[in-house]
Full PDB file with SEQRES, HELIX, SHEET, SSBOND, CRYST1, ORIGX, SCALE, CONECT and MASTER records, all heavy atoms in Angstrom:
SEQRES   1 A   31  VAL GLU ILE ARG VAL ILE LYS THR LYS MET GLN GLN LEU          
SEQRES   2 A   31  THR ALA ASP LEU ALA SER LYS GLU SER HIS LEU HIS LYS          
SEQRES   3 A   31  VAL GLU ALA GLU LEU                                          
HELIX    1 AA1 GLU A    2  GLU A   30  1                                  29    
CRYST1    1.000    1.000    1.000  90.00  90.00  90.00 P 1           1          
ORIGX1      1.000000  0.000000  0.000000        0.00000                         
ORIGX2      0.000000  1.000000  0.000000        0.00000                         
ORIGX3      0.000000  0.000000  1.000000        0.00000                         
SCALE1      1.000000  0.000000  0.000000        0.00000                         
SCALE2      0.000000  1.000000  0.000000        0.00000                         
SCALE3      0.000000  0.000000  1.000000        0.00000                         
ATOM      1  N   VAL A   1    -112.022 -29.785  16.750  1.00  0.00           N  
ATOM      2  CA  VAL A   1    -112.347 -29.985  15.351  1.00  0.00           C  
ATOM      3  C   VAL A   1    -113.289 -28.923  14.766  1.00  0.00           C  
ATOM      4  O   VAL A   1    -113.070 -28.264  13.773  1.00  0.00           O  
ATOM      5  CB  VAL A   1    -112.803 -31.456  15.113  1.00  0.00           C  
ATOM      6  CG1 VAL A   1    -113.452 -31.563  13.712  1.00  0.00           C  
ATOM      7  CG2 VAL A   1    -111.709 -32.479  15.327  1.00  0.00           C  
ATOM      8  N   GLU A   2    -114.345 -28.715  15.547  1.00  0.00           N  
ATOM      9  CA  GLU A   2    -115.386 -27.778  15.261  1.00  0.00           C  
ATOM     10  C   GLU A   2    -114.769 -26.421  15.157  1.00  0.00           C  
ATOM     11  O   GLU A   2    -115.081 -25.616  14.237  1.00  0.00           O  
ATOM     12  CB  GLU A   2    -116.513 -27.732  16.230  1.00  0.00           C  
ATOM     13  CG  GLU A   2    -117.471 -29.049  16.122  1.00  0.00           C  
ATOM     14  CD  GLU A   2    -118.505 -29.128  17.220  1.00  0.00           C  
ATOM     15  OE1 GLU A   2    -118.893 -28.107  17.802  1.00  0.00           O  
ATOM     16  OE2 GLU A   2    -118.952 -30.092  17.329  1.00  0.00           O  
ATOM     17  N   ILE A   3    -113.839 -26.098  16.085  1.00  0.00           N  
ATOM     18  CA  ILE A   3    -113.300 -24.737  16.019  1.00  0.00           C  
ATOM     19  C   ILE A   3    -112.356 -24.477  14.881  1.00  0.00           C  
ATOM     20  O   ILE A   3    -112.375 -23.554  14.225  1.00  0.00           O  
ATOM     21  CB  ILE A   3    -112.427 -24.503  17.373  1.00  0.00           C  
ATOM     22  CG1 ILE A   3    -113.433 -24.230  18.547  1.00  0.00           C  
ATOM     23  CG2 ILE A   3    -111.472 -23.268  17.198  1.00  0.00           C  
ATOM     24  CD1 ILE A   3    -112.823 -24.288  19.851  1.00  0.00           C  
ATOM     25  N   ARG A   4    -111.613 -25.652  14.469  1.00  0.00           N  
ATOM     26  CA  ARG A   4    -110.826 -25.536  13.261  1.00  0.00           C  
ATOM     27  C   ARG A   4    -111.639 -25.230  12.002  1.00  0.00           C  
ATOM     28  O   ARG A   4    -111.199 -24.564  11.204  1.00  0.00           O  
ATOM     29  CB  ARG A   4    -110.001 -26.784  13.150  1.00  0.00           C  
ATOM     30  CG  ARG A   4    -108.670 -26.851  13.996  1.00  0.00           C  
ATOM     31  CD  ARG A   4    -107.692 -27.895  13.545  1.00  0.00           C  
ATOM     32  NE  ARG A   4    -108.310 -29.287  13.512  1.00  0.00           N  
ATOM     33  CZ  ARG A   4    -108.335 -30.040  14.589  1.00  0.00           C  
ATOM     34  NH1 ARG A   4    -107.853 -29.693  15.781  1.00  0.00           N  
ATOM     35  NH2 ARG A   4    -108.882 -31.401  14.462  1.00  0.00           N  
ATOM     36  N   VAL A   5    -112.719 -26.052  11.905  1.00  0.00           N  
ATOM     37  CA  VAL A   5    -113.667 -25.915  10.782  1.00  0.00           C  
ATOM     38  C   VAL A   5    -114.177 -24.413  10.709  1.00  0.00           C  
ATOM     39  O   VAL A   5    -114.236 -23.741   9.685  1.00  0.00           O  
ATOM     40  CB  VAL A   5    -114.918 -26.855  10.842  1.00  0.00           C  
ATOM     41  CG1 VAL A   5    -115.936 -26.498   9.910  1.00  0.00           C  
ATOM     42  CG2 VAL A   5    -114.331 -28.301  10.692  1.00  0.00           C  
ATOM     43  N   ILE A   6    -114.609 -23.935  11.923  1.00  0.00           N  
ATOM     44  CA  ILE A   6    -115.095 -22.480  11.861  1.00  0.00           C  
ATOM     45  C   ILE A   6    -114.007 -21.511  11.512  1.00  0.00           C  
ATOM     46  O   ILE A   6    -114.216 -20.537  10.812  1.00  0.00           O  
ATOM     47  CB  ILE A   6    -115.807 -22.255  13.321  1.00  0.00           C  
ATOM     48  CG1 ILE A   6    -117.014 -23.049  13.679  1.00  0.00           C  
ATOM     49  CG2 ILE A   6    -115.910 -20.693  13.555  1.00  0.00           C  
ATOM     50  CD1 ILE A   6    -117.400 -22.840  15.088  1.00  0.00           C  
ATOM     51  N   LYS A   7    -112.819 -21.737  12.054  1.00  0.00           N  
ATOM     52  CA  LYS A   7    -111.719 -20.758  11.698  1.00  0.00           C  
ATOM     53  C   LYS A   7    -111.426 -20.792  10.224  1.00  0.00           C  
ATOM     54  O   LYS A   7    -111.147 -19.756   9.595  1.00  0.00           O  
ATOM     55  CB  LYS A   7    -110.449 -21.185  12.478  1.00  0.00           C  
ATOM     56  CG  LYS A   7    -110.457 -20.708  13.909  1.00  0.00           C  
ATOM     57  CD  LYS A   7    -109.176 -20.986  14.676  1.00  0.00           C  
ATOM     58  CE  LYS A   7    -109.252 -20.513  16.057  1.00  0.00           C  
ATOM     59  NZ  LYS A   7    -107.936 -20.741  16.833  1.00  0.00           N  
ATOM     60  N   THR A   8    -111.415 -22.020   9.610  1.00  0.00           N  
ATOM     61  CA  THR A   8    -111.174 -22.121   8.169  1.00  0.00           C  
ATOM     62  C   THR A   8    -112.450 -21.355   7.485  1.00  0.00           C  
ATOM     63  O   THR A   8    -112.075 -20.691   6.394  1.00  0.00           O  
ATOM     64  CB  THR A   8    -111.257 -23.578   7.716  1.00  0.00           C  
ATOM     65  OG1 THR A   8    -110.126 -24.184   8.414  1.00  0.00           O  
ATOM     66  CG2 THR A   8    -111.108 -23.761   6.238  1.00  0.00           C  
ATOM     67  N   LYS A   9    -113.650 -21.573   7.910  1.00  0.00           N  
ATOM     68  CA  LYS A   9    -114.721 -20.909   7.267  1.00  0.00           C  
ATOM     69  C   LYS A   9    -114.614 -19.303   7.259  1.00  0.00           C  
ATOM     70  O   LYS A   9    -114.838 -18.557   6.433  1.00  0.00           O  
ATOM     71  CB  LYS A   9    -116.042 -21.266   7.867  1.00  0.00           C  
ATOM     72  CG  LYS A   9    -116.570 -22.680   7.426  1.00  0.00           C  
ATOM     73  CD  LYS A   9    -117.813 -23.068   8.026  1.00  0.00           C  
ATOM     74  CE  LYS A   9    -118.268 -24.471   7.705  1.00  0.00           C  
ATOM     75  NZ  LYS A   9    -119.579 -24.833   8.278  1.00  0.00           N  
ATOM     76  N   MET A  10    -114.195 -18.824   8.562  1.00  0.00           N  
ATOM     77  CA  MET A  10    -113.961 -17.378   8.932  1.00  0.00           C  
ATOM     78  C   MET A  10    -112.872 -16.901   7.851  1.00  0.00           C  
ATOM     79  O   MET A  10    -113.034 -15.726   7.259  1.00  0.00           O  
ATOM     80  CB  MET A  10    -113.543 -17.238  10.257  1.00  0.00           C  
ATOM     81  CG  MET A  10    -114.583 -17.291  11.175  1.00  0.00           C  
ATOM     82  SD  MET A  10    -114.190 -17.160  13.022  1.00  0.00           S  
ATOM     83  CE  MET A  10    -113.382 -15.581  12.975  1.00  0.00           C  
ATOM     84  N   GLN A  11    -111.793 -17.747   7.610  1.00  0.00           N  
ATOM     85  CA  GLN A  11    -110.658 -17.203   6.750  1.00  0.00           C  
ATOM     86  C   GLN A  11    -111.173 -17.151   5.295  1.00  0.00           C  
ATOM     87  O   GLN A  11    -110.867 -16.218   4.535  1.00  0.00           O  
ATOM     88  CB  GLN A  11    -109.538 -18.205   6.806  1.00  0.00           C  
ATOM     89  CG  GLN A  11    -108.681 -18.110   8.084  1.00  0.00           C  
ATOM     90  CD  GLN A  11    -107.666 -19.236   8.183  1.00  0.00           C  
ATOM     91  OE1 GLN A  11    -107.805 -20.281   7.509  1.00  0.00           O  
ATOM     92  NE2 GLN A  11    -106.829 -19.109   9.165  1.00  0.00           N  
ATOM     93  N   GLN A  12    -112.091 -18.126   4.919  1.00  0.00           N  
ATOM     94  CA  GLN A  12    -112.676 -18.141   3.635  1.00  0.00           C  
ATOM     95  C   GLN A  12    -113.607 -16.859   3.410  1.00  0.00           C  
ATOM     96  O   GLN A  12    -113.617 -16.266   2.428  1.00  0.00           O  
ATOM     97  CB  GLN A  12    -113.356 -19.403   3.285  1.00  0.00           C  
ATOM     98  CG  GLN A  12    -113.881 -19.480   1.840  1.00  0.00           C  
ATOM     99  CD  GLN A  12    -112.870 -19.308   0.788  1.00  0.00           C  
ATOM    100  OE1 GLN A  12    -111.840 -20.003   0.784  1.00  0.00           O  
ATOM    101  NE2 GLN A  12    -113.002 -18.442  -0.234  1.00  0.00           N  
ATOM    102  N   LEU A  13    -114.466 -16.668   4.516  1.00  0.00           N  
ATOM    103  CA  LEU A  13    -115.343 -15.458   4.366  1.00  0.00           C  
ATOM    104  C   LEU A  13    -114.627 -14.200   4.324  1.00  0.00           C  
ATOM    105  O   LEU A  13    -114.963 -13.324   3.668  1.00  0.00           O  
ATOM    106  CB  LEU A  13    -116.288 -15.508   5.630  1.00  0.00           C  
ATOM    107  CG  LEU A  13    -117.382 -16.614   5.539  1.00  0.00           C  
ATOM    108  CD1 LEU A  13    -118.110 -16.658   6.820  1.00  0.00           C  
ATOM    109  CD2 LEU A  13    -118.369 -16.353   4.396  1.00  0.00           C  
ATOM    110  N   THR A  14    -113.558 -14.092   5.119  1.00  0.00           N  
ATOM    111  CA  THR A  14    -112.738 -12.838   5.179  1.00  0.00           C  
ATOM    112  C   THR A  14    -112.068 -12.614   3.813  1.00  0.00           C  
ATOM    113  O   THR A  14    -112.099 -11.471   3.280  1.00  0.00           O  
ATOM    114  CB  THR A  14    -111.510 -13.018   6.214  1.00  0.00           C  
ATOM    115  OG1 THR A  14    -112.249 -13.143   7.578  1.00  0.00           O  
ATOM    116  CG2 THR A  14    -110.676 -11.734   6.254  1.00  0.00           C  
ATOM    117  N   ALA A  15    -111.592 -13.721   3.132  1.00  0.00           N  
ATOM    118  CA  ALA A  15    -111.079 -13.561   1.767  1.00  0.00           C  
ATOM    119  C   ALA A  15    -112.232 -13.199   0.828  1.00  0.00           C  
ATOM    120  O   ALA A  15    -112.001 -12.275   0.037  1.00  0.00           O  
ATOM    121  CB  ALA A  15    -110.435 -14.899   1.253  1.00  0.00           C  
ATOM    122  N   ASP A  16    -113.373 -13.819   0.855  1.00  0.00           N  
ATOM    123  CA  ASP A  16    -114.540 -13.515  -0.080  1.00  0.00           C  
ATOM    124  C   ASP A  16    -114.857 -12.075   0.216  1.00  0.00           C  
ATOM    125  O   ASP A  16    -115.244 -11.283  -0.750  1.00  0.00           O  
ATOM    126  CB  ASP A  16    -115.687 -14.394   0.228  1.00  0.00           C  
ATOM    127  CG  ASP A  16    -115.408 -15.844  -0.154  1.00  0.00           C  
ATOM    128  OD1 ASP A  16    -114.491 -16.134  -0.862  1.00  0.00           O  
ATOM    129  OD2 ASP A  16    -116.169 -16.771   0.162  1.00  0.00           O  
ATOM    130  N   LEU A  17    -114.962 -11.570   1.507  1.00  0.00           N  
ATOM    131  CA  LEU A  17    -115.320 -10.207   1.785  1.00  0.00           C  
ATOM    132  C   LEU A  17    -114.378  -9.289   1.112  1.00  0.00           C  
ATOM    133  O   LEU A  17    -114.725  -8.263   0.497  1.00  0.00           O  
ATOM    134  CB  LEU A  17    -115.447  -9.971   3.184  1.00  0.00           C  
ATOM    135  CG  LEU A  17    -115.700  -8.485   3.725  1.00  0.00           C  
ATOM    136  CD1 LEU A  17    -117.124  -8.147   3.176  1.00  0.00           C  
ATOM    137  CD2 LEU A  17    -115.651  -8.507   5.229  1.00  0.00           C  
ATOM    138  N   ALA A  18    -113.089  -9.453   1.281  1.00  0.00           N  
ATOM    139  CA  ALA A  18    -112.129  -8.598   0.690  1.00  0.00           C  
ATOM    140  C   ALA A  18    -112.254  -8.568  -0.880  1.00  0.00           C  
ATOM    141  O   ALA A  18    -112.099  -7.456  -1.518  1.00  0.00           O  
ATOM    142  CB  ALA A  18    -110.699  -9.040   1.008  1.00  0.00           C  
ATOM    143  N   SER A  19    -112.462  -9.594  -1.403  1.00  0.00           N  
ATOM    144  CA  SER A  19    -112.593  -9.771  -2.885  1.00  0.00           C  
ATOM    145  C   SER A  19    -113.891  -8.957  -3.393  1.00  0.00           C  
ATOM    146  O   SER A  19    -113.780  -8.276  -4.374  1.00  0.00           O  
ATOM    147  CB  SER A  19    -112.788 -11.177  -3.315  1.00  0.00           C  
ATOM    148  OG  SER A  19    -113.147 -11.373  -4.791  1.00  0.00           O  
ATOM    149  N   LYS A  20    -115.039  -9.115  -2.593  1.00  0.00           N  
ATOM    150  CA  LYS A  20    -116.278  -8.452  -2.993  1.00  0.00           C  
ATOM    151  C   LYS A  20    -116.017  -6.907  -2.854  1.00  0.00           C  
ATOM    152  O   LYS A  20    -116.560  -6.081  -3.647  1.00  0.00           O  
ATOM    153  CB  LYS A  20    -117.411  -8.949  -2.147  1.00  0.00           C  
ATOM    154  CG  LYS A  20    -117.757 -10.418  -2.427  1.00  0.00           C  
ATOM    155  CD  LYS A  20    -118.052 -10.684  -3.829  1.00  0.00           C  
ATOM    156  CE  LYS A  20    -118.538 -12.160  -3.868  1.00  0.00           C  
ATOM    157  NZ  LYS A  20    -118.781 -12.559  -5.296  1.00  0.00           N  
ATOM    158  N   GLU A  21    -115.413  -6.500  -1.776  1.00  0.00           N  
ATOM    159  CA  GLU A  21    -115.214  -5.086  -1.487  1.00  0.00           C  
ATOM    160  C   GLU A  21    -114.277  -4.554  -2.583  1.00  0.00           C  
ATOM    161  O   GLU A  21    -114.651  -3.349  -3.055  1.00  0.00           O  
ATOM    162  CB  GLU A  21    -114.495  -4.888  -0.066  1.00  0.00           C  
ATOM    163  CG  GLU A  21    -115.507  -5.064   1.021  1.00  0.00           C  
ATOM    164  CD  GLU A  21    -114.820  -4.957   2.432  1.00  0.00           C  
ATOM    165  OE1 GLU A  21    -113.616  -5.243   2.484  1.00  0.00           O  
ATOM    166  OE2 GLU A  21    -115.621  -4.611   3.300  1.00  0.00           O  
ATOM    167  N   SER A  22    -113.314  -5.307  -2.960  1.00  0.00           N  
ATOM    168  CA  SER A  22    -112.420  -4.680  -4.120  1.00  0.00           C  
ATOM    169  C   SER A  22    -113.236  -4.597  -5.443  1.00  0.00           C  
ATOM    170  O   SER A  22    -113.054  -3.700  -6.140  1.00  0.00           O  
ATOM    171  CB  SER A  22    -111.244  -5.705  -4.282  1.00  0.00           C  
ATOM    172  OG  SER A  22    -110.356  -5.375  -5.360  1.00  0.00           O  
ATOM    173  N   HIS A  23    -114.048  -5.651  -5.624  1.00  0.00           N  
ATOM    174  CA  HIS A  23    -114.874  -5.577  -6.917  1.00  0.00           C  
ATOM    175  C   HIS A  23    -115.822  -4.440  -6.792  1.00  0.00           C  
ATOM    176  O   HIS A  23    -116.101  -3.702  -7.785  1.00  0.00           O  
ATOM    177  CB  HIS A  23    -115.538  -6.853  -7.046  1.00  0.00           C  
ATOM    178  CG  HIS A  23    -116.356  -7.045  -8.410  1.00  0.00           C  
ATOM    179  ND1 HIS A  23    -117.364  -7.882  -8.565  1.00  0.00           N  
ATOM    180  CD2 HIS A  23    -116.251  -6.447  -9.569  1.00  0.00           C  
ATOM    181  CE1 HIS A  23    -117.842  -7.814  -9.863  1.00  0.00           C  
ATOM    182  NE2 HIS A  23    -117.115  -6.918 -10.308  1.00  0.00           N  
ATOM    183  N   LEU A  24    -116.464  -4.258  -5.591  1.00  0.00           N  
ATOM    184  CA  LEU A  24    -117.358  -3.064  -5.384  1.00  0.00           C  
ATOM    185  C   LEU A  24    -116.660  -1.676  -5.777  1.00  0.00           C  
ATOM    186  O   LEU A  24    -117.164  -0.832  -6.412  1.00  0.00           O  
ATOM    187  CB  LEU A  24    -117.976  -3.088  -4.019  1.00  0.00           C  
ATOM    188  CG  LEU A  24    -118.845  -1.928  -3.649  1.00  0.00           C  
ATOM    189  CD1 LEU A  24    -120.135  -1.783  -4.601  1.00  0.00           C  
ATOM    190  CD2 LEU A  24    -119.318  -1.949  -2.321  1.00  0.00           C  
ATOM    191  N   HIS A  25    -115.429  -1.595  -5.291  1.00  0.00           N  
ATOM    192  CA  HIS A  25    -114.640  -0.335  -5.477  1.00  0.00           C  
ATOM    193  C   HIS A  25    -114.492  -0.067  -7.027  1.00  0.00           C  
ATOM    194  O   HIS A  25    -114.600   1.050  -7.398  1.00  0.00           O  
ATOM    195  CB  HIS A  25    -113.478  -0.212  -4.615  1.00  0.00           C  
ATOM    196  CG  HIS A  25    -113.541  -0.282  -3.248  1.00  0.00           C  
ATOM    197  ND1 HIS A  25    -114.351   0.867  -2.654  1.00  0.00           N  
ATOM    198  CD2 HIS A  25    -113.190  -1.005  -2.222  1.00  0.00           C  
ATOM    199  CE1 HIS A  25    -114.283   0.641  -1.318  1.00  0.00           C  
ATOM    200  NE2 HIS A  25    -113.614  -0.397  -1.048  1.00  0.00           N  
ATOM    201  N   LYS A  26    -114.177  -1.152  -7.589  1.00  0.00           N  
ATOM    202  CA  LYS A  26    -113.875  -1.055  -9.072  1.00  0.00           C  
ATOM    203  C   LYS A  26    -115.172  -0.698  -9.872  1.00  0.00           C  
ATOM    204  O   LYS A  26    -115.177   0.113 -10.761  1.00  0.00           O  
ATOM    205  CB  LYS A  26    -113.407  -2.453  -9.703  1.00  0.00           C  
ATOM    206  CG  LYS A  26    -111.944  -2.727  -9.227  1.00  0.00           C  
ATOM    207  CD  LYS A  26    -111.422  -4.052  -9.769  1.00  0.00           C  
ATOM    208  CE  LYS A  26    -110.114  -4.385  -9.221  1.00  0.00           C  
ATOM    209  NZ  LYS A  26    -109.781  -5.702  -9.588  1.00  0.00           N  
ATOM    210  N   VAL A  27    -116.219  -1.356  -9.403  1.00  0.00           N  
ATOM    211  CA  VAL A  27    -117.565  -1.036 -10.029  1.00  0.00           C  
ATOM    212  C   VAL A  27    -117.958   0.415  -9.833  1.00  0.00           C  
ATOM    213  O   VAL A  27    -118.401   1.107 -10.666  1.00  0.00           O  
ATOM    214  CB  VAL A  27    -118.573  -1.960  -9.661  1.00  0.00           C  
ATOM    215  CG1 VAL A  27    -120.110  -1.511  -9.901  1.00  0.00           C  
ATOM    216  CG2 VAL A  27    -118.322  -3.384 -10.190  1.00  0.00           C  
ATOM    217  N   GLU A  28    -117.760   1.041  -8.568  1.00  0.00           N  
ATOM    218  CA  GLU A  28    -118.063   2.259  -8.217  1.00  0.00           C  
ATOM    219  C   GLU A  28    -117.202   3.177  -8.967  1.00  0.00           C  
ATOM    220  O   GLU A  28    -117.751   4.266  -9.501  1.00  0.00           O  
ATOM    221  CB  GLU A  28    -117.800   2.517  -6.655  1.00  0.00           C  
ATOM    222  CG  GLU A  28    -118.862   1.823  -5.885  1.00  0.00           C  
ATOM    223  CD  GLU A  28    -118.789   1.926  -4.384  1.00  0.00           C  
ATOM    224  OE1 GLU A  28    -117.565   2.116  -3.894  1.00  0.00           O  
ATOM    225  OE2 GLU A  28    -119.729   1.857  -3.573  1.00  0.00           O  
ATOM    226  N   ALA A  29    -115.895   2.898  -9.237  1.00  0.00           N  
ATOM    227  CA  ALA A  29    -115.027   3.854 -10.014  1.00  0.00           C  
ATOM    228  C   ALA A  29    -115.417   3.847 -11.422  1.00  0.00           C  
ATOM    229  O   ALA A  29    -115.518   4.861 -12.031  1.00  0.00           O  
ATOM    230  CB  ALA A  29    -113.625   3.278  -9.884  1.00  0.00           C  
ATOM    231  N   GLU A  30    -115.789   2.774 -12.035  1.00  0.00           N  
ATOM    232  CA  GLU A  30    -116.202   2.692 -13.375  1.00  0.00           C  
ATOM    233  C   GLU A  30    -117.622   3.434 -13.540  1.00  0.00           C  
ATOM    234  O   GLU A  30    -117.822   4.163 -14.504  1.00  0.00           O  
ATOM    235  CB  GLU A  30    -116.468   1.204 -13.817  1.00  0.00           C  
ATOM    236  CG  GLU A  30    -116.830   1.081 -15.248  1.00  0.00           C  
ATOM    237  CD  GLU A  30    -117.068  -0.345 -15.680  1.00  0.00           C  
ATOM    238  OE1 GLU A  30    -116.669  -1.262 -15.059  1.00  0.00           O  
ATOM    239  OE2 GLU A  30    -117.535  -0.580 -16.828  1.00  0.00           O  
ATOM    240  N   LEU A  31    -118.489   3.323 -12.520  1.00  0.00           N  
ATOM    241  CA  LEU A  31    -119.833   3.897 -12.517  1.00  0.00           C  
ATOM    242  C   LEU A  31    -119.566   5.473 -12.587  1.00  0.00           C  
ATOM    243  O   LEU A  31    -120.142   6.328 -13.327  1.00  0.00           O  
ATOM    244  CB  LEU A  31    -120.658   3.615 -11.276  1.00  0.00           C  
ATOM    245  CG  LEU A  31    -122.009   4.324 -11.221  1.00  0.00           C  
ATOM    246  CD1 LEU A  31    -122.875   4.108 -12.373  1.00  0.00           C  
ATOM    247  CD2 LEU A  31    -122.634   3.945  -9.879  1.00  0.00           C  
TER     248      LEU A  31                                                      
MASTER        0    0    0    1    0    0    0    6  247    1    0    3          
END                                                                             
């Protein structure tokens, strides 16, 4: 159960990271 919870959190963090990196690239391009 703990491993499933951690894997779910890791997937969410991976998605959040990709989103933030994409946003950063857009901000850098606009800058």
